[in-house]
C-alpha atoms as a PDB file:
ATOM      1  CA  MET A   1    -216.194  42.594-324.093  1.00  0.00           C
ATOM      2  CA  ASN A   2    -213.947  43.699-321.347  1.00  0.00           C
ATOM      3  CA  ARG A   3    -212.121  41.470-318.908  1.00  0.00           C
ATOM      4  CA  ILE A   4    -214.778  41.599-316.127  1.00  0.00           C
ATOM      5  CA  GLN A   5    -217.531  40.577-318.527  1.00  0.00           C
ATOM      6  CA  LYS A   6    -215.444  37.655-319.808  1.00  0.00           C
ATOM      7  CA  ASN A   7    -214.847  36.449-316.243  1.00  0.00           C
ATOM      8  CA  ARG A   8    -218.576  36.669-315.419  1.00  0.00           C
ATOM      9  CA  LEU A   9    -219.443  34.766-318.581  1.00  0.00           C
ATOM     10  CA  ALA A  10    -216.900  32.057-317.729  1.00  0.00           C
ATOM     11  CA  ILE A  11    -218.234  31.726-314.167  1.00  0.00           C
ATOM     12  CA  ILE A  12    -221.862  31.546-315.332  1.00  0.00           C
ATOM     13  CA  SER A  13    -220.953  28.970-317.983  1.00  0.00           C
ATOM     14  CA  CYS A  14    -219.164  26.811-315.389  1.00  0.00           C
ATOM     15  CA  ILE A  15    -222.134  27.011-313.023  1.00  0.00           C
ATOM     16  CA  ILE A  16    -224.538  25.983-315.791  1.00  0.00           C
ATOM     17  CA  ILE A  17    -222.315  23.055-316.788  1.00  0.00           C
ATOM     18  CA  ILE A  18    -221.977  21.875-313.163  1.00  0.00           C
ATOM     19  CA  LEU A  19    -225.737  22.138-312.573  1.00  0.00           C
ATOM     20  CA  SER A  20    -226.435  20.228-315.802  1.00  0.00           C
ATOM     21  CA  ILE A  21    -224.067  17.423-314.795  1.00  0.00           C
ATOM     22  CA  ALA A  22    -225.605  17.272-311.297  1.00  0.00           C
ATOM     23  CA  ALA A  23    -229.146  17.119-312.713  1.00  0.00           C
ATOM     24  CA  GLY A  24    -228.113  14.399-315.154  1.00  0.00           C
ATOM     25  CA  LEU A  25    -226.576  12.297-312.372  1.00  0.00           C
ATOM     26  CA  VAL A  26    -229.675  12.688-310.196  1.00  0.00           C
ATOM     27  CA  LEU A  27    -231.982  11.649-313.039  1.00  0.00           C
ATOM     28  CA  TYR A  28    -229.760   8.677-313.864  1.00  0.00           C
ATOM     29  CA  ALA A  29    -229.779   7.539-310.219  1.00  0.00           C
ATOM     30  CA  LEU A  30    -233.567   7.871-310.014  1.00  0.00           C
ATOM     31  CA  LYS A  31    -233.996   5.894-313.217  1.00  0.00           C
ATOM     32  CA  GLN A  32    -232.037   3.000-311.711  1.00  0.00           C
ATOM     33  CA  ASN A  33    -234.180   2.960-308.541  1.00  0.00           C
ATOM     34  CA  ILE A  34    -237.658   3.282-310.007  1.00  0.00           C
ATOM     35  CA  ASN A  35    -239.614   0.197-309.048  1.00  0.00           C
ATOM     36  CA  LEU A  36    -242.465  -0.162-311.551  1.00  0.00           C
ATOM     37  CA  PHE A  37    -244.540  -3.189-312.411  1.00  0.00           C
ATOM     38  CA  TYR A  38    -245.981  -4.727-315.558  1.00  0.00           C
ATOM     39  CA  THR A  39    -249.681  -5.350-316.066  1.00  0.00           C
ATOM     40  CA  PRO A  40    -250.538  -8.805-317.441  1.00  0.00           C
ATOM     41  CA  THR A  41    -250.959  -7.337-320.940  1.00  0.00           C
ATOM     42  CA  GLN A  42    -247.584  -5.570-320.806  1.00  0.00           C
ATOM     43  CA  LEU A  43    -245.836  -8.630-319.372  1.00  0.00           C
ATOM     44  CA  LEU A  44    -247.147 -10.913-322.112  1.00  0.00           C
ATOM     45  CA  GLN A  45    -245.910  -8.443-324.737  1.00  0.00           C
ATOM     46  CA  ALA A  46    -242.525  -7.821-323.071  1.00  0.00           C
ATOM     47  CA  GLN A  47    -239.420  -9.723-324.056  1.00  0.00           C
ATOM     48  CA  THR A  48    -238.511 -11.248-320.701  1.00  0.00           C
ATOM     49  CA  THR A  49    -236.472 -14.361-319.999  1.00  0.00           C
ATOM     50  CA  THR A  50    -237.424 -17.099-317.540  1.00  0.00           C
ATOM     51  CA  SER A  51    -234.488 -16.141-315.320  1.00  0.00           C
ATOM     52  CA  GLN A  52    -235.442 -12.462-315.148  1.00  0.00           C
ATOM     53  CA  ASN A  53    -237.200 -11.176-312.006  1.00  0.00           C
ATOM     54  CA  VAL A  54    -240.104  -8.881-312.838  1.00  0.00           C
ATOM     55  CA  ARG A  55    -242.948  -7.228-310.965  1.00  0.00           C
ATOM     56  CA  LEU A  56    -246.501  -8.030-312.010  1.00  0.00           C
ATOM     57  CA  GLY A  57    -249.476  -5.979-310.885  1.00  0.00           C
ATOM     58  CA  GLY A  58    -253.196  -6.433-311.363  1.00  0.00           C
ATOM     59  CA  TYR A  59    -256.390  -7.571-309.686  1.00  0.00           C
ATOM     60  CA  VAL A  60    -257.022 -11.013-308.225  1.00  0.00           C
ATOM     61  CA  GLU A  61    -259.840 -12.632-310.202  1.00  0.00           C
ATOM     62  CA  LYS A  62    -262.997 -13.500-308.276  1.00  0.00           C
ATOM     63  CA  HIS A  63    -263.322 -17.224-307.416  1.00  0.00           C
ATOM     64  CA  SER A  64    -259.773 -17.958-308.623  1.00  0.00           C
ATOM     65  CA  VAL A  65    -257.924 -18.369-305.316  1.00  0.00           C
ATOM     66  CA  GLN A  66    -257.100 -22.017-304.596  1.00  0.00           C
ATOM     67  CA  TYR A  67    -255.060 -23.138-301.580  1.00  0.00           C
ATOM     68  CA  ASP A  68    -253.284 -26.485-301.536  1.00  0.00           C
ATOM     69  CA  ALA A  69    -254.043 -29.056-298.824  1.00  0.00           C
ATOM     70  CA  SER A  70    -251.208 -27.864-296.551  1.00  0.00           C
ATOM     71  CA  GLY A  71    -252.257 -24.219-296.872  1.00  0.00           C
ATOM     72  CA  GLU A  72    -248.699 -23.137-297.644  1.00  0.00           C
ATOM     73  CA  SER A  73    -249.130 -22.651-301.385  1.00  0.00           C
ATOM     74  CA  VAL A  74    -251.779 -20.767-303.258  1.00  0.00           C
ATOM     75  CA  ASN A  75    -252.722 -20.450-306.921  1.00  0.00           C
ATOM     76  CA  PHE A  76    -254.761 -17.566-308.278  1.00  0.00           C
ATOM     77  CA  ILE A  77    -255.309 -15.566-311.438  1.00  0.00           C
ATOM     78  CA  VAL A  78    -254.251 -11.942-311.895  1.00  0.00           C
ATOM     79  CA  SER A  79    -256.021  -9.859-314.507  1.00  0.00           C
ATOM     80  CA  ASP A  80    -256.014  -6.360-315.953  1.00  0.00           C
ATOM     81  CA  GLN A  81    -259.416  -6.823-317.691  1.00  0.00           C
ATOM     82  CA  PHE A  82    -257.718  -7.723-320.984  1.00  0.00           C
ATOM     83  CA  HIS A  83    -255.380 -10.616-320.154  1.00  0.00           C
ATOM     84  CA  LYS A  84    -255.091 -13.116-317.320  1.00  0.00           C
ATOM     85  CA  ILE A  85    -251.992 -14.774-315.890  1.00  0.00           C
ATOM     86  CA  PRO A  86    -252.121 -17.715-313.450  1.00  0.00           C
ATOM     87  CA  VAL A  87    -249.868 -17.163-310.426  1.00  0.00           C
ATOM     88  CA  SER A  88    -248.356 -19.678-308.006  1.00  0.00           C
ATOM     89  CA  TYR A  89    -247.059 -18.547-304.632  1.00  0.00           C
ATOM     90  CA  HIS A  90    -245.553 -20.469-301.736  1.00  0.00           C
ATOM     91  CA  GLY A  91    -245.618 -18.601-298.443  1.00  0.00           C
ATOM     92  CA  VAL A  92    -247.771 -16.451-296.214  1.00  0.00           C
ATOM     93  CA  LEU A  93    -250.042 -14.005-298.000  1.00  0.00           C
ATOM     94  CA  PRO A  94    -250.506 -10.448-296.708  1.00  0.00           C
ATOM     95  CA  SER A  95    -253.575  -9.822-294.588  1.00  0.00           C
ATOM     96  CA  LEU A  96    -255.071  -7.468-297.207  1.00  0.00           C
ATOM     97  CA  PHE A  97    -254.932 -10.165-299.908  1.00  0.00           C
ATOM     98  CA  ARG A  98    -258.392 -11.105-301.195  1.00  0.00           C
ATOM     99  CA  GLU A  99    -260.298 -11.658-304.408  1.00  0.00           C
ATOM    100  CA  GLY A 100    -260.989  -8.493-306.361  1.00  0.00           C
ATOM    101  CA  GLN A 101    -258.115  -6.702-304.583  1.00  0.00           C
ATOM    102  CA  GLY A 102    -255.086  -5.174-306.274  1.00  0.00           C
ATOM    103  CA  VAL A 103    -251.770  -6.990-305.860  1.00  0.00           C
ATOM    104  CA  VAL A 104    -248.170  -6.452-306.932  1.00  0.00           C
ATOM    105  CA  MET A 105    -245.912  -9.509-307.086  1.00  0.00           C
ATOM    106  CA  THR A 106    -242.230 -10.074-307.679  1.00  0.00           C
ATOM    107  CA  GLY A 107    -241.280 -13.262-309.473  1.00  0.00           C
ATOM    108  CA  LYS A 108    -240.614 -14.922-312.808  1.00  0.00           C
ATOM    109  CA  LEU A 109    -242.730 -15.663-315.844  1.00  0.00           C
ATOM    110  CA  VAL A 110    -241.686 -19.300-316.330  1.00  0.00           C
ATOM    111  CA  ALA A 111    -243.987 -19.981-319.253  1.00  0.00           C
ATOM    112  CA  HIS A 112    -246.210 -17.823-321.380  1.00  0.00           C
ATOM    113  CA  ASP A 113    -249.053 -18.685-319.065  1.00  0.00           C
ATOM    114  CA  GLN A 114    -247.519 -19.192-315.594  1.00  0.00           C
ATOM    115  CA  PHE A 115    -246.026 -16.695-313.123  1.00  0.00           C
ATOM    116  CA  ILE A 116    -244.133 -17.958-310.053  1.00  0.00           C
ATOM    117  CA  ALA A 117    -244.233 -15.271-307.359  1.00  0.00           C
ATOM    118  CA  SER A 118    -241.550 -14.942-304.703  1.00  0.00           C
ATOM    119  CA  GLU A 119    -243.217 -11.957-303.004  1.00  0.00           C
ATOM    120  CA  VAL A 120    -246.836 -10.775-302.927  1.00  0.00           C
ATOM    121  CA  LEU A 121    -247.842  -7.275-301.852  1.00  0.00           C
ATOM    122  CA  ALA A 122    -251.517  -6.423-301.470  1.00  0.00           C
ATOM    123  CA  LYS A 123    -252.614  -2.947-302.451  1.00  0.00           C
ATOM    124  CA  HIS A 124    -255.436  -1.190-300.669  1.00  0.00           C
ATOM    125  CA  ASP A 125    -257.754   1.411-302.035  1.00  0.00           C
ATOM    126  CA  GLU A 126    -258.047   4.971-300.794  1.00  0.00           C
ATOM    127  CA  LYS A 127    -260.961   3.963-298.557  1.00  0.00           C
ATOM    128  CA  TYR A 128    -258.798   1.689-296.414  1.00  0.00           C
ATOM    129  CA  MET A 129    -258.865   2.423-292.715  1.00  0.00           C
ATOM    130  CA  PRO A 130    -257.047   0.500-289.961  1.00  0.00           C
ATOM    131  CA  PRO A 131    -259.510  -1.618-287.928  1.00  0.00           C
ATOM    132  CA  SER A 132    -258.681   0.191-284.671  1.00  0.00           C
ATOM    133  CA  LEU A 133    -259.514   3.566-286.220  1.00  0.00           C
ATOM    134  CA  ALA A 134    -262.699   2.204-287.812  1.00  0.00           C
ATOM    135  CA  ASN A 135    -263.839   0.848-284.409  1.00  0.00           C
ATOM    136  CA  GLU A 136    -263.073   4.155-282.734  1.00  0.00           C
ATOM    137  CA  LEU A 137    -265.047   6.114-285.336  1.00  0.00           C
ATOM    138  CA  ALA A 138    -267.952   3.663-285.045  1.00  0.00           C
ATOM    139  CA  ASN A 139    -267.959   4.117-281.248  1.00  0.00           C
ATOM    140  CA  GLN A 140    -267.940   7.903-281.625  1.00  0.00           C
ATOM    141  CA  THR A 141    -270.830   7.712-284.095  1.00  0.00           C
ATOM    142  CA  GLU A 142    -272.828   5.554-281.665  1.00  0.00           C
ATOM    143  CA  LYS A 143    -272.183   7.993-278.814  1.00  0.00           C
ATOM    144  CA  LYS A 144    -273.363  10.956-280.900  1.00  0.00           C
ATOM    145  CA  SER A 145    -276.573   9.188-281.919  1.00  0.00           C
ATOM    146  CA  LEU A 146    -277.473   8.456-278.282  1.00  0.00           C
END
């Protein structure tokens, strides 16, 4: 190998090392910011402590939503078709929250059978459409049929 070839090899090696380090740092940063949730089955199998905040996702069981007398707290059951976890939440629920709907909650599993949620996010399906857009489409459909 002559001198020019050695220099090219050294430059290419440095570039590969720098790109590898950059890719590793990006992947490490993404790993720290991924915000996943446990299903009830996974949460019951996980080794979590009562002081650890976790995210729980699943479907609200039909006929399980119970509001207290003041309307500020709600209890319901979240399921993934295999296991069920009772959830308690104090606060205002999102407008998309309803039985049979998907939810993701942040909170703590205080006992093997009780989850205290500090935040509830309702998930919508792919068919969701804002009410204003649905009304507009309905009006357009009516106009075409006339």
